[in-house]
Amino acid sequence: MRISFGRLFKPHEAHQGVSNPVTSAQLQKKIASDFAKKPEGWHPQVCYNFALKVGVLEGKISNHFKQELMSGAKVGGYPLGFSDKMGITASNTQKYFDHTKITGSGIINFIDDQVGAVVHTAYLQKEDGGSVHIYHANCMTLDMALLGDAPDVPKVGCVTHYEVSDHYTQNRLQRWLDGGYSFKFTPASKLSI
């Protein structure tokens, strides 16, 4: 008799897209529940940690990748080698955000055009139906831009959440980008150690 345990021991399945689809409502419940049960798991309270944590909760980024990235030395507030691991170069950033070009969930890094450095990181969730949601924390100017006329910041646990696939929110995001930022989207499937 032959017994195979191969299916049980694949630690990087999450970032290879094998996980079941998670809706934005399900992901928001996971975020709220995880934050309520283990708020210390959201430390340090920096944008890239929050983005990676949301990716882990969605099942698209491995916890191993997150831990390896977070454990390194910090340079300019970000882990050493962060831009390399995200595939960010001076020639591959974009100025125009089009949600239809987002092919799957992943990390979006925002670059200050004057400085040429990453200044904010968020998580984009792509649902099977095509809608795209952004989860982020610690960037008030982005919140103010995305909020529009809404009376309250849509907070889930310790992150804010917006659907950026509707025309109005996408336009607000674009106006924020036009204020001096570009971005690089890195699909979760490309993130591994």
Protein backbone atom coordinates (compact mmCIF):
# COMPACT_ATOMS: atom_id res chain seq x y z
CA MET A 1 0.00 0.00 0.00
CA ARG A 2 1.34 3.41 -0.95
CA ILE A 3 0.47 6.46 1.12
CA SER A 4 1.20 9.93 -0.17
CA PHE A 5 1.41 12.92 2.11
CA GLY A 6 2.35 15.32 -0.67
CA ARG A 7 -0.98 17.11 -0.59
CA LEU A 8 -0.62 17.84 3.12
CA PHE A 9 2.80 19.46 3.00
CA LYS A 10 2.87 22.21 0.43
CA PRO A 11 3.67 25.37 2.39
CA HIS A 12 3.69 27.65 -0.64
CA GLU A 13 0.30 26.66 -2.05
CA ALA A 14 -1.23 29.92 -0.91
CA HIS A 15 0.80 32.10 -3.23
CA GLN A 16 0.45 29.66 -6.12
CA GLY A 17 -3.26 30.35 -6.44
CA VAL A 18 -4.47 26.95 -5.18
CA SER A 19 -6.63 28.45 -2.43
CA ASN A 20 -10.39 28.69 -2.75
CA PRO A 21 -11.80 32.04 -3.91
CA VAL A 22 -12.56 34.43 -1.06
CA THR A 23 -15.13 37.18 -1.53
CA SER A 24 -14.51 40.68 -0.21
CA ALA A 25 -17.20 40.11 2.45
CA GLN A 26 -15.46 36.91 3.59
CA LEU A 27 -12.06 38.60 3.62
CA GLN A 28 -13.43 41.50 5.66
CA LYS A 29 -14.82 39.02 8.20
CA LYS A 30 -11.44 37.27 8.38
CA ILE A 31 -9.66 40.59 8.91
CA ALA A 32 -12.06 41.73 11.64
CA SER A 33 -11.95 38.35 13.40
CA ASP A 34 -8.16 38.04 13.23
CA PHE A 35 -7.66 41.59 14.50
CA ALA A 36 -10.14 41.05 17.36
CA LYS A 37 -8.51 37.76 18.42
CA LYS A 38 -4.83 38.60 17.81
CA PRO A 39 -4.22 42.35 17.50
CA GLU A 40 -0.52 41.78 18.24
CA GLY A 41 -0.34 39.84 14.96
CA TRP A 42 -0.82 43.15 13.15
CA HIS A 43 2.40 44.65 14.56
CA PRO A 44 4.43 46.50 13.50
CA GLN A 45 1.72 48.89 12.46
CA VAL A 46 3.17 49.83 9.10
CA CYS A 47 1.40 49.81 5.76
CA TYR A 48 3.39 47.00 4.14
CA ASN A 49 2.82 44.69 7.13
CA PHE A 50 -0.93 45.33 6.93
CA ALA A 51 -0.92 44.68 3.18
CA LEU A 52 0.99 41.42 3.56
CA LYS A 53 -1.23 40.31 6.45
CA VAL A 54 -4.38 40.82 4.35
CA GLY A 55 -2.77 38.76 1.58
CA VAL A 56 -2.03 35.97 4.06
CA LEU A 57 -5.62 36.04 5.32
CA GLU A 58 -6.96 35.84 1.77
CA GLY A 59 -4.69 32.84 1.23
CA LYS A 60 -2.76 34.40 -1.65
CA ILE A 61 0.52 35.20 0.14
CA SER A 62 2.32 32.65 2.27
CA ASN A 63 2.96 33.49 5.91
CA HIS A 64 6.54 32.30 5.30
CA PHE A 65 7.06 35.04 2.69
CA LYS A 66 5.58 37.66 5.03
CA GLN A 67 7.74 36.57 7.97
CA GLU A 68 10.94 36.44 5.91
CA LEU A 69 10.32 39.90 4.49
CA MET A 70 9.37 41.40 7.85
CA SER A 71 12.37 39.94 9.70
CA GLY A 72 14.99 41.78 7.67
CA ALA A 73 16.77 45.05 8.41
CA LYS A 74 14.87 48.23 7.54
CA VAL A 75 16.12 50.94 5.20
CA GLY A 76 14.08 54.12 4.82
CA GLY A 77 11.25 52.48 6.76
CA TYR A 78 10.98 49.47 4.43
CA PRO A 79 12.66 46.06 4.70
CA LEU A 80 16.00 45.78 2.92
CA GLY A 81 15.39 44.39 -0.57
CA PHE A 82 11.65 45.17 -0.47
CA SER A 83 11.60 46.87 -3.88
CA ASP A 84 13.54 43.97 -5.43
CA LYS A 85 11.15 41.37 -4.01
CA MET A 86 8.21 43.41 -5.33
CA GLY A 87 9.85 43.73 -8.74
CA ILE A 88 9.90 47.54 -8.62
CA THR A 89 12.26 49.28 -11.02
CA ALA A 90 12.40 52.84 -12.31
CA SER A 91 11.13 51.66 -15.69
CA ASN A 92 8.10 49.57 -14.67
CA THR A 93 5.98 51.92 -12.59
CA GLN A 94 2.69 53.22 -13.95
CA LYS A 95 0.77 56.48 -13.70
CA TYR A 96 -2.68 55.34 -14.85
CA PHE A 97 -4.72 52.92 -12.74
CA ASP A 98 -7.18 50.71 -14.62
CA HIS A 99 -8.83 48.05 -12.46
CA THR A 100 -9.48 45.87 -15.52
CA LYS A 101 -5.70 45.37 -15.86
CA ILE A 102 -5.49 43.79 -12.40
CA THR A 103 -5.44 40.05 -13.10
CA GLY A 104 -5.38 38.75 -9.53
CA SER A 105 -4.85 39.76 -5.94
CA GLY A 106 -1.52 41.23 -4.90
CA ILE A 107 0.49 44.12 -3.52
CA ILE A 108 0.32 47.65 -4.90
CA ASN A 109 3.20 49.94 -4.01
CA PHE A 110 2.92 53.69 -4.45
CA ILE A 111 6.02 55.64 -5.42
CA ASP A 112 6.59 59.35 -4.81
CA ASP A 113 7.48 60.67 -8.27
CA GLN A 114 9.79 63.40 -6.94
CA VAL A 115 11.79 61.14 -4.64
CA GLY A 116 11.54 57.92 -6.64
CA ALA A 117 10.93 55.82 -3.54
CA VAL A 118 8.09 53.64 -2.28
CA VAL A 119 6.02 55.68 0.17
CA HIS A 120 2.95 53.50 0.67
CA THR A 121 1.92 49.87 0.25
CA ALA A 122 -1.56 48.36 0.05
CA TYR A 123 -3.25 45.08 -0.86
CA LEU A 124 -5.51 44.66 -3.88
CA GLN A 125 -8.05 41.85 -3.83
CA LYS A 126 -9.41 40.71 -7.18
CA GLU A 127 -12.70 38.86 -6.85
CA ASP A 128 -13.80 36.20 -9.32
CA GLY A 129 -16.55 38.52 -10.56
CA GLY A 130 -13.97 41.14 -11.55
CA SER A 131 -14.34 43.68 -8.76
CA VAL A 132 -11.14 45.01 -7.19
CA HIS A 133 -10.83 46.06 -3.55
CA ILE A 134 -8.01 47.95 -1.84
CA TYR A 135 -7.06 47.35 1.79
CA HIS A 136 -4.56 49.70 3.40
CA ALA A 137 -3.63 51.70 6.49
CA ASN A 138 -1.57 54.73 7.46
CA CYS A 139 -2.07 56.97 4.43
CA MET A 140 -4.57 59.68 5.28
CA THR A 141 -4.21 61.45 1.92
CA LEU A 142 -5.20 58.26 0.09
CA ASP A 143 -8.15 57.76 2.46
CA MET A 144 -9.32 61.32 1.88
CA ALA A 145 -9.07 60.84 -1.88
CA LEU A 146 -10.91 57.51 -1.93
CA LEU A 147 -13.54 58.54 0.58
CA GLY A 148 -15.17 61.12 -1.67
CA ASP A 149 -18.41 62.32 -0.10
CA ALA A 150 -18.86 59.31 2.20
CA PRO A 151 -19.34 60.34 5.83
CA ASP A 152 -17.19 57.62 7.43
CA VAL A 153 -13.92 55.89 6.66
CA PRO A 154 -14.77 52.23 5.85
CA LYS A 155 -12.63 50.51 8.47
CA VAL A 156 -12.26 46.75 8.86
CA GLY A 157 -10.17 45.76 11.86
CA CYS A 158 -7.23 48.14 11.58
CA VAL A 159 -7.32 48.66 7.80
CA THR A 160 -9.54 50.67 5.52
CA HIS A 161 -11.33 49.07 2.59
CA TYR A 162 -12.65 50.51 -0.68
CA GLU A 163 -13.89 48.97 -3.88
CA VAL A 164 -11.79 50.59 -6.59
CA SER A 165 -13.50 48.97 -9.56
CA ASP A 166 -16.38 51.41 -9.62
CA HIS A 167 -15.88 54.36 -11.94
CA TYR A 168 -16.11 57.05 -9.25
CA THR A 169 -13.61 55.51 -6.84
CA GLN A 170 -11.22 54.65 -9.65
CA ASN A 171 -11.34 58.30 -10.77
CA ARG A 172 -10.64 59.48 -7.21
CA LEU A 173 -7.66 57.12 -7.01
CA GLN A 174 -6.42 58.45 -10.35
CA ARG A 175 -6.66 62.06 -9.15
CA TRP A 176 -4.57 61.09 -6.10
CA LEU A 177 -1.97 59.45 -8.39
CA ASP A 178 -1.95 62.56 -10.59
CA GLY A 179 -0.89 64.52 -7.51
CA GLY A 180 2.64 63.11 -7.75
CA TYR A 181 2.53 59.33 -7.41
CA SER A 182 3.01 56.31 -9.60
CA PHE A 183 2.51 52.66 -8.69
CA LYS A 184 3.71 49.13 -9.26
CA PHE A 185 1.31 46.23 -8.86
CA THR A 186 2.85 42.86 -8.02
CA PRO A 187 0.55 39.83 -8.28
CA ALA A 188 0.62 37.62 -5.19
CA SER A 189 1.50 34.69 -7.45
CA LYS A 190 4.90 36.34 -8.09
CA LEU A 191 5.77 36.73 -4.40
CA SER A 192 7.97 34.05 -2.90
CA ILE A 193 11.21 33.72 -0.98
